[in-house]
Amino acid sequence: MSKVARKVIDYCIQNDIGTLVVGYNETFQRGVRMDKVNNQSFVNIPYGKLREKLEYLCELNGITYVKQEESYTSKASFWDKDDIPVYNEDNPKSYVFSGKRVQRGLYKCSNGKTLNADVNGALNILRKSSVVDLRILYSRGDVDTPVRIRVA
């Protein structure tokens, strides 16, 4: 986890990024039911430790660390500016969103525009945090495809 966190912080430093917004979900991985193989690979990833390491490294490097609740950010459409509610375990509601995930890794907006599903979720986490003015991105009308970075 240290190597991953260091890579993220180095990227922030190299690109003059002063704020790191990290999504979290209190009930993430609790009661997860998957087949044995996927459960062993997925549930054992220590996301809490990664967040703690990122927060620590942000503090050391003068980067603002923002922890943002992330419920419904993967379901809501960034481009359609869907409202993004906060999940309430005591009063769960069903919400309807304008776009949907059409296949693994691909999100389709109501106007037919497609984008990487993880990018859609990440942009919605930023939108929910309100730490970044996204008007420039909305006016641009497009985002770049994510780049995979191998750590190990």
C-alpha atoms as a PDB file:
ATOM      1  CA  MET A   1       0.000   0.000   0.000  1.00  0.00           C
ATOM      2  CA  SER A   2       2.886   2.354   0.679  1.00  0.00           C
ATOM      3  CA  LYS A   3       4.066   2.119  -2.916  1.00  0.00           C
ATOM      4  CA  VAL A   4       0.589   2.916  -4.259  1.00  0.00           C
ATOM      5  CA  ALA A   5       0.144   5.870  -1.901  1.00  0.00           C
ATOM      6  CA  ARG A   6       3.608   7.210  -2.766  1.00  0.00           C
ATOM      7  CA  LYS A   7       2.798   6.970  -6.498  1.00  0.00           C
ATOM      8  CA  VAL A   8      -0.412   8.990  -6.002  1.00  0.00           C
ATOM      9  CA  ILE A   9       1.366  11.663  -3.948  1.00  0.00           C
ATOM     10  CA  ASP A  10       4.253  11.877  -6.438  1.00  0.00           C
ATOM     11  CA  TYR A  11       1.701  12.393  -9.228  1.00  0.00           C
ATOM     12  CA  CYS A  12       0.050  15.192  -7.227  1.00  0.00           C
ATOM     13  CA  ILE A  13       3.409  16.888  -6.643  1.00  0.00           C
ATOM     14  CA  GLN A  14       4.551  16.572 -10.282  1.00  0.00           C
ATOM     15  CA  ASN A  15       1.256  17.999 -11.562  1.00  0.00           C
ATOM     16  CA  ASP A  16       0.908  20.774  -8.949  1.00  0.00           C
ATOM     17  CA  ILE A  17      -2.245  19.242  -7.440  1.00  0.00           C
ATOM     18  CA  GLY A  18      -2.889  20.820  -4.044  1.00  0.00           C
ATOM     19  CA  THR A  19      -6.013  18.911  -3.007  1.00  0.00           C
ATOM     20  CA  LEU A  20      -6.631  15.155  -3.025  1.00  0.00           C
ATOM     21  CA  VAL A  21     -10.283  14.104  -2.775  1.00  0.00           C
ATOM     22  CA  VAL A  22     -10.763  10.483  -1.689  1.00  0.00           C
ATOM     23  CA  GLY A  23     -14.135   8.752  -1.689  1.00  0.00           C
ATOM     24  CA  TYR A  24     -15.214   6.559   1.201  1.00  0.00           C
ATOM     25  CA  ASN A  25     -18.169   4.389   2.097  1.00  0.00           C
ATOM     26  CA  GLU A  26     -18.686   3.421   5.741  1.00  0.00           C
ATOM     27  CA  THR A  27     -20.300   0.066   4.926  1.00  0.00           C
ATOM     28  CA  PHE A  28     -17.920  -0.832   2.076  1.00  0.00           C
ATOM     29  CA  GLN A  29     -16.998  -4.552   2.062  1.00  0.00           C
ATOM     30  CA  ARG A  30     -19.266  -5.408   4.999  1.00  0.00           C
ATOM     31  CA  GLY A  31     -21.413  -8.429   4.289  1.00  0.00           C
ATOM     32  CA  VAL A  32     -19.961  -8.791   0.790  1.00  0.00           C
ATOM     33  CA  ARG A  33     -21.221 -11.959  -0.891  1.00  0.00           C
ATOM     34  CA  MET A  34     -19.157 -13.123  -3.844  1.00  0.00           C
ATOM     35  CA  ASP A  35     -17.791 -16.408  -5.032  1.00  0.00           C
ATOM     36  CA  LYS A  36     -14.765 -17.645  -3.097  1.00  0.00           C
ATOM     37  CA  VAL A  37     -12.110 -16.593  -5.638  1.00  0.00           C
ATOM     38  CA  ASN A  38     -13.381 -13.010  -6.121  1.00  0.00           C
ATOM     39  CA  ASN A  39     -14.040 -12.602  -2.407  1.00  0.00           C
ATOM     40  CA  GLN A  40     -10.425 -13.519  -1.582  1.00  0.00           C
ATOM     41  CA  SER A  41      -9.028 -11.088  -4.172  1.00  0.00           C
ATOM     42  CA  PHE A  42     -11.351  -8.163  -3.485  1.00  0.00           C
ATOM     43  CA  VAL A  43     -12.364  -8.077   0.171  1.00  0.00           C
ATOM     44  CA  ASN A  44      -8.792  -8.366   1.454  1.00  0.00           C
ATOM     45  CA  ILE A  45      -7.649  -5.130  -0.209  1.00  0.00           C
ATOM     46  CA  PRO A  46      -6.987  -2.783   2.752  1.00  0.00           C
ATOM     47  CA  TYR A  47      -8.631   0.410   1.450  1.00  0.00           C
ATOM     48  CA  GLY A  48      -8.737   1.898   4.948  1.00  0.00           C
ATOM     49  CA  LYS A  49      -4.959   1.566   5.281  1.00  0.00           C
ATOM     50  CA  LEU A  50      -4.486   3.132   1.846  1.00  0.00           C
ATOM     51  CA  ARG A  51      -6.643   6.116   2.838  1.00  0.00           C
ATOM     52  CA  GLU A  52      -4.699   6.520   6.102  1.00  0.00           C
ATOM     53  CA  LYS A  53      -1.366   6.393   4.256  1.00  0.00           C
ATOM     54  CA  LEU A  54      -2.592   8.933   1.681  1.00  0.00           C
ATOM     55  CA  GLU A  55      -3.790  11.266   4.426  1.00  0.00           C
ATOM     56  CA  TYR A  56      -0.425  11.009   6.208  1.00  0.00           C
ATOM     57  CA  LEU A  57       1.587  11.639   3.017  1.00  0.00           C
ATOM     58  CA  CYS A  58      -0.668  14.549   2.046  1.00  0.00           C
ATOM     59  CA  GLU A  59       0.038  16.187   5.390  1.00  0.00           C
ATOM     60  CA  LEU A  60       3.811  15.677   4.966  1.00  0.00           C
ATOM     61  CA  ASN A  61       3.754  17.198   1.473  1.00  0.00           C
ATOM     62  CA  GLY A  62       1.403  20.140   2.057  1.00  0.00           C
ATOM     63  CA  ILE A  63      -1.475  18.630   0.070  1.00  0.00           C
ATOM     64  CA  THR A  64      -5.013  19.102   1.359  1.00  0.00           C
ATOM     65  CA  TYR A  65      -6.700  15.731   1.973  1.00  0.00           C
ATOM     66  CA  VAL A  66     -10.498  15.635   1.610  1.00  0.00           C
ATOM     67  CA  LYS A  67     -12.489  12.556   2.630  1.00  0.00           C
ATOM     68  CA  GLN A  68     -15.775  12.505   0.678  1.00  0.00           C
ATOM     69  CA  GLU A  69     -18.784  10.240   1.226  1.00  0.00           C
ATOM     70  CA  GLU A  70     -19.374   8.509  -2.124  1.00  0.00           C
ATOM     71  CA  SER A  71     -22.833   6.908  -2.144  1.00  0.00           C
ATOM     72  CA  TYR A  72     -24.580   6.859  -5.555  1.00  0.00           C
ATOM     73  CA  THR A  73     -21.606   8.481  -7.336  1.00  0.00           C
ATOM     74  CA  SER A  74     -21.253   5.510  -9.699  1.00  0.00           C
ATOM     75  CA  LYS A  75     -24.962   5.455 -10.539  1.00  0.00           C
ATOM     76  CA  ALA A  76     -25.508   9.183 -11.096  1.00  0.00           C
ATOM     77  CA  SER A  77     -24.577  10.749 -14.434  1.00  0.00           C
ATOM     78  CA  PHE A  78     -21.866  13.404 -14.235  1.00  0.00           C
ATOM     79  CA  TRP A  79     -22.703  14.967 -17.623  1.00  0.00           C
ATOM     80  CA  ASP A  80     -26.455  15.023 -16.904  1.00  0.00           C
ATOM     81  CA  LYS A  81     -25.793  16.619 -13.483  1.00  0.00           C
ATOM     82  CA  ASP A  82     -28.026  14.108 -11.675  1.00  0.00           C
ATOM     83  CA  ASP A  83     -28.722  14.889  -8.026  1.00  0.00           C
ATOM     84  CA  ILE A  84     -26.506  12.669  -5.873  1.00  0.00           C
ATOM     85  CA  PRO A  85     -28.230  11.739  -2.609  1.00  0.00           C
ATOM     86  CA  VAL A  86     -26.540  10.383   0.516  1.00  0.00           C
ATOM     87  CA  TYR A  87     -27.414   6.781   1.363  1.00  0.00           C
ATOM     88  CA  ASN A  88     -29.385   6.423   4.583  1.00  0.00           C
ATOM     89  CA  GLU A  89     -29.258   2.869   5.964  1.00  0.00           C
ATOM     90  CA  ASP A  90     -32.201   3.576   8.305  1.00  0.00           C
ATOM     91  CA  ASN A  91     -34.390   4.861   5.472  1.00  0.00           C
ATOM     92  CA  PRO A  92     -33.213   3.313   2.176  1.00  0.00           C
ATOM     93  CA  LYS A  93     -34.908   4.801  -0.879  1.00  0.00           C
ATOM     94  CA  SER A  94     -34.870   3.859  -4.520  1.00  0.00           C
ATOM     95  CA  TYR A  95     -33.562   6.557  -6.855  1.00  0.00           C
ATOM     96  CA  VAL A  96     -33.746   6.852 -10.621  1.00  0.00           C
ATOM     97  CA  PHE A  97     -30.745   8.214 -12.500  1.00  0.00           C
ATOM     98  CA  SER A  98     -30.597   9.417 -16.098  1.00  0.00           C
ATOM     99  CA  GLY A  99     -27.664   7.255 -17.238  1.00  0.00           C
ATOM    100  CA  LYS A 100     -26.513   3.715 -16.602  1.00  0.00           C
ATOM    101  CA  ARG A 101     -23.570   1.356 -16.710  1.00  0.00           C
ATOM    102  CA  VAL A 102     -23.922  -0.496 -20.020  1.00  0.00           C
ATOM    103  CA  GLN A 103     -21.009  -2.885 -19.649  1.00  0.00           C
ATOM    104  CA  ARG A 104     -17.994  -3.384 -17.446  1.00  0.00           C
ATOM    105  CA  GLY A 105     -16.153  -0.074 -17.294  1.00  0.00           C
ATOM    106  CA  LEU A 106     -18.530   1.900 -19.518  1.00  0.00           C
ATOM    107  CA  TYR A 107     -21.197   4.418 -18.453  1.00  0.00           C
ATOM    108  CA  LYS A 108     -23.799   5.786 -20.878  1.00  0.00           C
ATOM    109  CA  CYS A 109     -25.447   9.181 -20.284  1.00  0.00           C
ATOM    110  CA  SER A 110     -29.025  10.026 -21.287  1.00  0.00           C
ATOM    111  CA  ASN A 111     -27.813  11.836 -24.434  1.00  0.00           C
ATOM    112  CA  GLY A 112     -25.913   8.739 -25.612  1.00  0.00           C
ATOM    113  CA  LYS A 113     -22.464  10.029 -24.624  1.00  0.00           C
ATOM    114  CA  THR A 114     -20.287   7.313 -23.100  1.00  0.00           C
ATOM    115  CA  LEU A 115     -17.363   7.557 -20.714  1.00  0.00           C
ATOM    116  CA  ASN A 116     -15.305   5.312 -18.503  1.00  0.00           C
ATOM    117  CA  ALA A 117     -17.472   4.275 -15.534  1.00  0.00           C
ATOM    118  CA  ASP A 118     -14.685   4.896 -13.007  1.00  0.00           C
ATOM    119  CA  VAL A 119     -14.139   8.393 -14.426  1.00  0.00           C
ATOM    120  CA  ASN A 120     -17.890   9.084 -14.087  1.00  0.00           C
ATOM    121  CA  GLY A 121     -17.778   7.965 -10.436  1.00  0.00           C
ATOM    122  CA  ALA A 122     -14.612   9.957  -9.686  1.00  0.00           C
ATOM    123  CA  LEU A 123     -16.045  13.119 -11.250  1.00  0.00           C
ATOM    124  CA  ASN A 124     -19.201  12.701  -9.181  1.00  0.00           C
ATOM    125  CA  ILE A 125     -17.104  12.333  -6.015  1.00  0.00           C
ATOM    126  CA  LEU A 126     -15.431  15.635  -6.946  1.00  0.00           C
ATOM    127  CA  ARG A 127     -18.837  17.172  -7.643  1.00  0.00           C
ATOM    128  CA  LYS A 128     -20.164  15.978  -4.279  1.00  0.00           C
ATOM    129  CA  SER A 129     -17.133  17.399  -2.462  1.00  0.00           C
ATOM    130  CA  SER A 130     -17.578  20.900  -3.942  1.00  0.00           C
ATOM    131  CA  VAL A 131     -13.831  21.586  -3.630  1.00  0.00           C
ATOM    132  CA  VAL A 132     -13.294  22.052  -7.367  1.00  0.00           C
ATOM    133  CA  ASP A 133     -15.094  24.354  -9.797  1.00  0.00           C
ATOM    134  CA  LEU A 134     -16.193  21.955 -12.525  1.00  0.00           C
ATOM    135  CA  ARG A 135     -17.659  24.584 -14.886  1.00  0.00           C
ATOM    136  CA  ILE A 136     -14.544  24.489 -17.086  1.00  0.00           C
ATOM    137  CA  LEU A 137     -14.880  20.734 -17.460  1.00  0.00           C
ATOM    138  CA  TYR A 138     -18.603  20.991 -18.236  1.00  0.00           C
ATOM    139  CA  SER A 139     -17.917  23.657 -20.875  1.00  0.00           C
ATOM    140  CA  ARG A 140     -15.202  21.476 -22.420  1.00  0.00           C
ATOM    141  CA  GLY A 141     -17.756  18.689 -22.781  1.00  0.00           C
ATOM    142  CA  ASP A 142     -15.298  15.813 -22.631  1.00  0.00           C
ATOM    143  CA  VAL A 143     -12.768  14.114 -20.383  1.00  0.00           C
ATOM    144  CA  ASP A 144      -9.627  12.134 -21.111  1.00  0.00           C
ATOM    145  CA  THR A 145      -9.481   8.367 -20.994  1.00  0.00           C
ATOM    146  CA  PRO A 146      -7.795   7.131 -17.806  1.00  0.00           C
ATOM    147  CA  VAL A 147      -4.274   5.767 -17.994  1.00  0.00           C
ATOM    148  CA  ARG A 148      -3.382   2.556 -16.155  1.00  0.00           C
ATOM    149  CA  ILE A 149      -0.260   2.835 -14.018  1.00  0.00           C
ATOM    150  CA  ARG A 150       1.419  -0.384 -12.895  1.00  0.00           C
ATOM    151  CA  VAL A 151       2.729  -0.177  -9.351  1.00  0.00           C
ATOM    152  CA  ALA A 152       4.013  -3.670  -8.615  1.00  0.00           C
END
